[in-house]
Amino acid sequence: MGTSYNFEQACGKVMDSAYRREGIGTLGEKTLHAVLKHYFEPDESCHEIKVGSYYADILNAEGITEIQTRQWNKLRGKLKAFLPENKVTLVYPVAYTKWLLWINEETGEISKKRLSPKKGSAYDIFFELYRIKNYLDSENLRLCIVYLDIEEYRLLNGWSTDGKKGSWRHDRIPKDLQKVIYINNKSDYSRLIPESLPPRFTSREFQKASGLSLSKAQTALNVLFYVGAVERVGKERNMFIYERR
């Protein structure tokens, strides 16, 4: 997927003023979503196709592709309807490098971009995977994690004095594609286990290796255990000891 139409072409298509006027906004579509849709399928006749009671982002010879940045719990109905008869690819964009730009709603002024110290990670997907855990054992489901450099525009409408804390995200503009990771089957989930971990490890060690919080590390291991990528081989105090399968 994505080989017949490069990322720069997809960005150019979406950022064209005519398309933004006629396409984005008609469906309330955000720029990041639109760019990825054109990257994975440049033929717009394959976009927003009704399948049963739902609309698929993409339907082509490879099956259905859904692009979802968050709230994967909203995908449960689609997955229940799509998976029995279709190959489904879930695309998860990760902001590997992010520049922040702030919009003053009163004046329309946009700040100079500032590099965010936070780097996105493939491990961030576990929180969303937990929300659709019961569908992860389907042979018709695969994941696609896309690392992107992104400019994020936020409104200065937060509750803090400077308007930044609690602010709303207005849009995200992808600037460059870094890499793409596919999880095609259960064995591929091993790619989401940090290589620096010892053969046996606890959730605390997974936390340190992944950079996640402890609760998110425990969620990650819950998912990895469910798909069979790790097994529980003992306990250390109140924590399970895990081993790669």
Protein backbone atom coordinates (compact mmCIF):
# COMPACT_ATOMS: atom_id res chain seq x y z
CA MET A 1 0.00 0.00 0.00
CA GLY A 2 1.21 3.51 -0.71
CA THR A 3 3.77 2.41 -3.32
CA SER A 4 1.94 3.76 -6.38
CA TYR A 5 1.56 7.27 -5.04
CA ASN A 6 4.26 8.89 -2.99
CA PHE A 7 3.76 10.88 0.15
CA GLU A 8 4.69 14.23 -1.40
CA GLN A 9 2.03 13.78 -4.09
CA ALA A 10 -0.58 12.95 -1.47
CA CYS A 11 0.31 16.08 0.53
CA GLY A 12 0.21 18.21 -2.60
CA LYS A 13 -3.20 16.91 -3.60
CA VAL A 14 -4.75 17.59 -0.21
CA MET A 15 -3.10 20.96 0.35
CA ASP A 16 -4.29 22.23 -3.03
CA SER A 17 -6.69 25.07 -2.31
CA ALA A 18 -9.40 23.76 -4.63
CA TYR A 19 -9.45 20.38 -2.93
CA ARG A 20 -9.48 21.93 0.53
CA ARG A 21 -12.45 24.07 -0.46
CA GLU A 22 -14.45 21.26 -2.06
CA GLY A 23 -13.28 18.21 -0.14
CA ILE A 24 -12.05 18.93 3.35
CA GLY A 25 -14.82 20.55 5.31
CA THR A 26 -17.54 18.82 3.31
CA LEU A 27 -17.14 15.79 5.52
CA GLY A 28 -15.39 17.67 8.32
CA GLU A 29 -12.21 15.84 7.35
CA LYS A 30 -8.90 16.81 8.91
CA THR A 31 -5.77 17.27 6.83
CA LEU A 32 -3.78 14.38 8.32
CA HIS A 33 -6.61 11.95 7.67
CA ALA A 34 -7.05 13.19 4.11
CA VAL A 35 -3.33 12.96 3.27
CA LEU A 36 -3.08 9.40 4.54
CA LYS A 37 -6.19 8.42 2.63
CA HIS A 38 -4.65 9.71 -0.60
CA TYR A 39 -1.30 8.12 0.22
CA PHE A 40 -2.74 4.65 0.68
CA GLU A 41 -5.26 5.00 -2.15
CA PRO A 42 -4.90 7.85 -4.68
CA ASP A 43 -8.08 6.86 -6.55
CA GLU A 44 -10.80 8.95 -4.91
CA SER A 45 -13.50 6.67 -6.31
CA CYS A 46 -12.31 4.15 -3.68
CA HIS A 47 -12.84 6.62 -0.81
CA GLU A 48 -15.81 6.71 1.57
CA ILE A 49 -17.44 3.54 0.25
CA LYS A 50 -20.56 2.20 1.92
CA VAL A 51 -20.14 -1.37 3.15
CA GLY A 52 -23.32 -2.60 4.78
CA SER A 53 -24.41 0.03 7.29
CA TYR A 54 -21.02 1.74 7.50
CA TYR A 55 -18.71 3.80 5.31
CA ALA A 56 -15.13 2.59 4.83
CA ASP A 57 -12.37 5.18 4.45
CA ILE A 58 -10.97 3.09 1.60
CA LEU A 59 -12.28 0.04 -0.23
CA ASN A 60 -10.11 -1.40 -2.99
CA ALA A 61 -8.65 -4.70 -4.20
CA GLU A 62 -6.65 -5.05 -0.98
CA GLY A 63 -9.74 -4.76 1.20
CA ILE A 64 -10.85 -2.08 3.63
CA THR A 65 -8.55 0.54 5.15
CA GLU A 66 -9.58 2.63 8.13
CA ILE A 67 -7.44 5.56 9.32
CA GLN A 68 -7.99 6.31 13.00
CA THR A 69 -5.80 8.46 15.23
CA ARG A 70 -7.62 7.80 18.50
CA GLN A 71 -10.84 6.56 20.12
CA TRP A 72 -10.63 3.11 18.58
CA ASN A 73 -13.61 2.08 20.67
CA LYS A 74 -15.63 3.79 17.92
CA LEU A 75 -14.32 1.18 15.47
CA ARG A 76 -15.95 -1.78 17.21
CA GLY A 77 -19.16 -1.60 15.20
CA LYS A 78 -17.26 -1.35 11.91
CA LEU A 79 -14.93 -4.21 12.81
CA LYS A 80 -17.83 -6.44 13.79
CA ALA A 81 -19.45 -5.73 10.43
CA PHE A 82 -16.34 -5.70 8.22
CA LEU A 83 -14.06 -8.47 9.48
CA PRO A 84 -16.13 -11.60 8.72
CA GLU A 85 -16.05 -10.85 4.97
CA ASN A 86 -13.18 -8.40 4.42
CA LYS A 87 -9.49 -7.87 4.95
CA VAL A 88 -9.21 -4.79 7.15
CA THR A 89 -6.13 -2.60 7.70
CA LEU A 90 -6.17 -0.12 10.58
CA VAL A 91 -3.78 2.79 10.02
CA TYR A 92 -2.41 4.48 13.13
CA PRO A 93 -0.42 7.70 12.59
CA VAL A 94 2.34 8.53 15.07
CA ALA A 95 3.72 12.07 15.36
CA TYR A 96 7.40 11.13 15.43
CA THR A 97 8.51 14.77 15.28
CA LYS A 98 6.02 17.53 16.04
CA TRP A 99 6.14 21.30 15.68
CA LEU A 100 3.53 23.33 17.56
CA LEU A 101 1.89 26.46 16.18
CA TRP A 102 -0.62 28.51 18.16
CA ILE A 103 -3.61 30.33 16.67
CA ASN A 104 -5.05 33.44 18.27
CA GLU A 105 -8.76 33.20 17.42
CA GLU A 106 -9.38 36.91 17.98
CA THR A 107 -6.64 38.22 15.69
CA GLY A 108 -6.03 35.18 13.45
CA GLU A 109 -2.33 35.49 14.21
CA ILE A 110 -0.29 32.26 14.08
CA SER A 111 2.82 31.88 16.20
CA LYS A 112 6.19 30.74 14.93
CA LYS A 113 6.51 26.98 15.07
CA ARG A 114 8.25 25.41 18.04
CA LEU A 115 9.65 21.90 18.20
CA SER A 116 7.85 19.78 20.78
CA PRO A 117 10.15 17.82 23.11
CA LYS A 118 7.78 14.85 22.93
CA LYS A 119 8.39 12.15 20.33
CA GLY A 120 5.67 9.78 19.27
CA SER A 121 6.17 6.05 19.60
CA ALA A 122 4.63 2.87 18.20
CA TYR A 123 4.02 1.85 21.81
CA ASP A 124 1.31 4.52 21.98
CA ILE A 125 -0.92 2.22 19.94
CA PHE A 126 -1.45 -0.22 22.83
CA PHE A 127 -3.97 2.03 24.57
CA GLU A 128 -6.10 1.94 21.42
CA LEU A 129 -5.55 -1.76 20.80
CA TYR A 130 -6.91 -2.53 24.25
CA ARG A 131 -10.18 -0.91 23.18
CA ILE A 132 -10.59 -3.42 20.32
CA LYS A 133 -8.81 -6.32 21.99
CA ASN A 134 -11.50 -8.86 21.19
CA TYR A 135 -10.93 -8.33 17.45
CA LEU A 136 -7.15 -8.69 17.47
CA ASP A 137 -7.21 -12.45 16.90
CA SER A 138 -9.02 -12.09 13.57
CA GLU A 139 -6.95 -13.31 10.62
CA ASN A 140 -8.56 -10.58 8.51
CA LEU A 141 -7.15 -7.74 10.63
CA ARG A 142 -3.77 -6.08 10.22
CA LEU A 143 -2.24 -2.91 11.62
CA CYS A 144 -0.19 -0.21 9.95
CA ILE A 145 1.77 2.25 12.10
CA VAL A 146 2.88 5.35 10.21
CA TYR A 147 5.65 7.58 11.63
CA LEU A 148 5.24 11.18 10.48
CA ASP A 149 6.76 14.61 10.99
CA ILE A 150 3.82 16.89 11.73
CA GLU A 151 2.94 20.54 12.26
CA GLU A 152 0.17 20.77 14.84
CA TYR A 153 -2.01 23.88 14.99
CA ARG A 154 -3.70 24.57 18.32
CA LEU A 155 -6.12 27.27 19.41
CA LEU A 156 -5.16 29.54 22.30
CA ASN A 157 -8.43 28.76 24.07
CA GLY A 158 -7.24 26.75 27.07
CA TRP A 159 -7.97 27.42 30.73
CA SER A 160 -4.43 28.54 31.66
CA THR A 161 -3.27 32.16 31.61
CA ASP A 162 -1.43 31.69 28.32
CA GLY A 163 -4.37 29.75 26.83
CA LYS A 164 -2.28 26.64 26.11
CA LYS A 165 -3.28 24.15 28.82
CA GLY A 166 -6.55 22.50 27.91
CA SER A 167 -6.44 24.00 24.42
CA TRP A 168 -8.14 22.50 21.37
CA ARG A 169 -6.22 20.95 18.51
CA HIS A 170 -7.31 22.66 15.29
CA ASP A 171 -5.49 20.58 12.68
CA ARG A 172 -2.38 18.55 11.97
CA ILE A 173 -0.41 19.00 8.77
CA PRO A 174 1.91 16.09 7.85
CA LYS A 175 5.26 17.29 6.48
CA ASP A 176 7.28 14.11 5.98
CA LEU A 177 6.95 10.33 6.19
CA GLN A 178 9.60 8.61 8.29
CA LYS A 179 8.68 4.92 8.22
CA VAL A 180 5.81 2.46 8.10
CA ILE A 181 5.46 -0.65 10.28
CA TYR A 182 3.00 -3.44 9.47
CA ILE A 183 1.62 -5.94 11.96
CA ASN A 184 0.26 -8.57 9.62
CA ASN A 185 -0.35 -11.40 12.08
CA LYS A 186 0.03 -12.37 15.72
CA SER A 187 3.72 -13.20 15.43
CA ASP A 188 4.40 -9.65 14.20
CA TYR A 189 3.35 -8.24 17.58
CA SER A 190 6.84 -9.17 18.77
CA ARG A 191 7.96 -6.04 16.86
CA LEU A 192 6.20 -4.00 19.56
CA ILE A 193 8.35 -5.44 22.36
CA PRO A 194 11.41 -3.27 23.16
CA GLU A 195 14.58 -5.05 22.06
CA SER A 196 16.44 -3.83 25.15
CA LEU A 197 14.34 -5.97 27.48
CA PRO A 198 15.94 -9.08 29.05
CA PRO A 199 14.48 -12.51 28.20
CA ARG A 200 12.22 -12.26 31.27
CA PHE A 201 10.82 -8.98 32.49
CA THR A 202 8.09 -7.28 34.53
CA SER A 203 5.74 -4.46 33.63
CA ARG A 204 8.08 -2.12 35.49
CA GLU A 205 10.95 -3.09 33.17
CA PHE A 206 8.66 -2.77 30.15
CA GLN A 207 7.76 0.71 31.38
CA LYS A 208 11.39 1.81 31.49
CA ALA A 209 12.24 0.29 28.09
CA SER A 210 9.19 1.71 26.30
CA GLY A 211 8.93 5.12 27.95
CA LEU A 212 5.28 4.50 28.79
CA SER A 213 3.71 5.12 32.17
CA LEU A 214 3.36 2.04 34.38
CA SER A 215 -0.39 1.80 33.79
CA LYS A 216 0.09 2.02 30.01
CA ALA A 217 2.90 -0.55 30.18
CA GLN A 218 0.52 -2.90 31.99
CA THR A 219 -2.09 -2.27 29.29
CA ALA A 220 0.52 -3.03 26.60
CA LEU A 221 1.41 -6.33 28.25
CA ASN A 222 -2.25 -7.19 28.63
CA VAL A 223 -2.60 -6.84 24.85
CA LEU A 224 0.65 -8.69 24.10
CA PHE A 225 -0.42 -11.54 26.38
CA TYR A 226 -3.82 -11.70 24.68
CA VAL A 227 -2.31 -12.08 21.21
CA GLY A 228 0.27 -14.58 22.46
CA ALA A 229 3.37 -12.44 21.95
CA VAL A 230 4.37 -12.93 25.60
CA GLU A 231 3.53 -15.46 28.25
CA ARG A 232 3.35 -15.23 32.03
CA VAL A 233 5.96 -17.43 33.63
CA GLY A 234 5.81 -16.37 37.27
CA LYS A 235 5.37 -13.52 39.69
CA GLU A 236 7.64 -11.04 41.40
CA ARG A 237 5.83 -9.59 44.40
CA ASN A 238 2.55 -8.37 42.88
CA MET A 239 3.81 -8.23 39.27
CA PHE A 240 3.72 -10.93 36.60
CA ILE A 241 7.00 -12.01 35.05
CA TYR A 242 6.74 -12.12 31.28
CA GLU A 243 8.73 -13.93 28.63
CA ARG A 244 8.75 -13.46 24.86
CA ARG A 245 7.10 -16.25 22.93
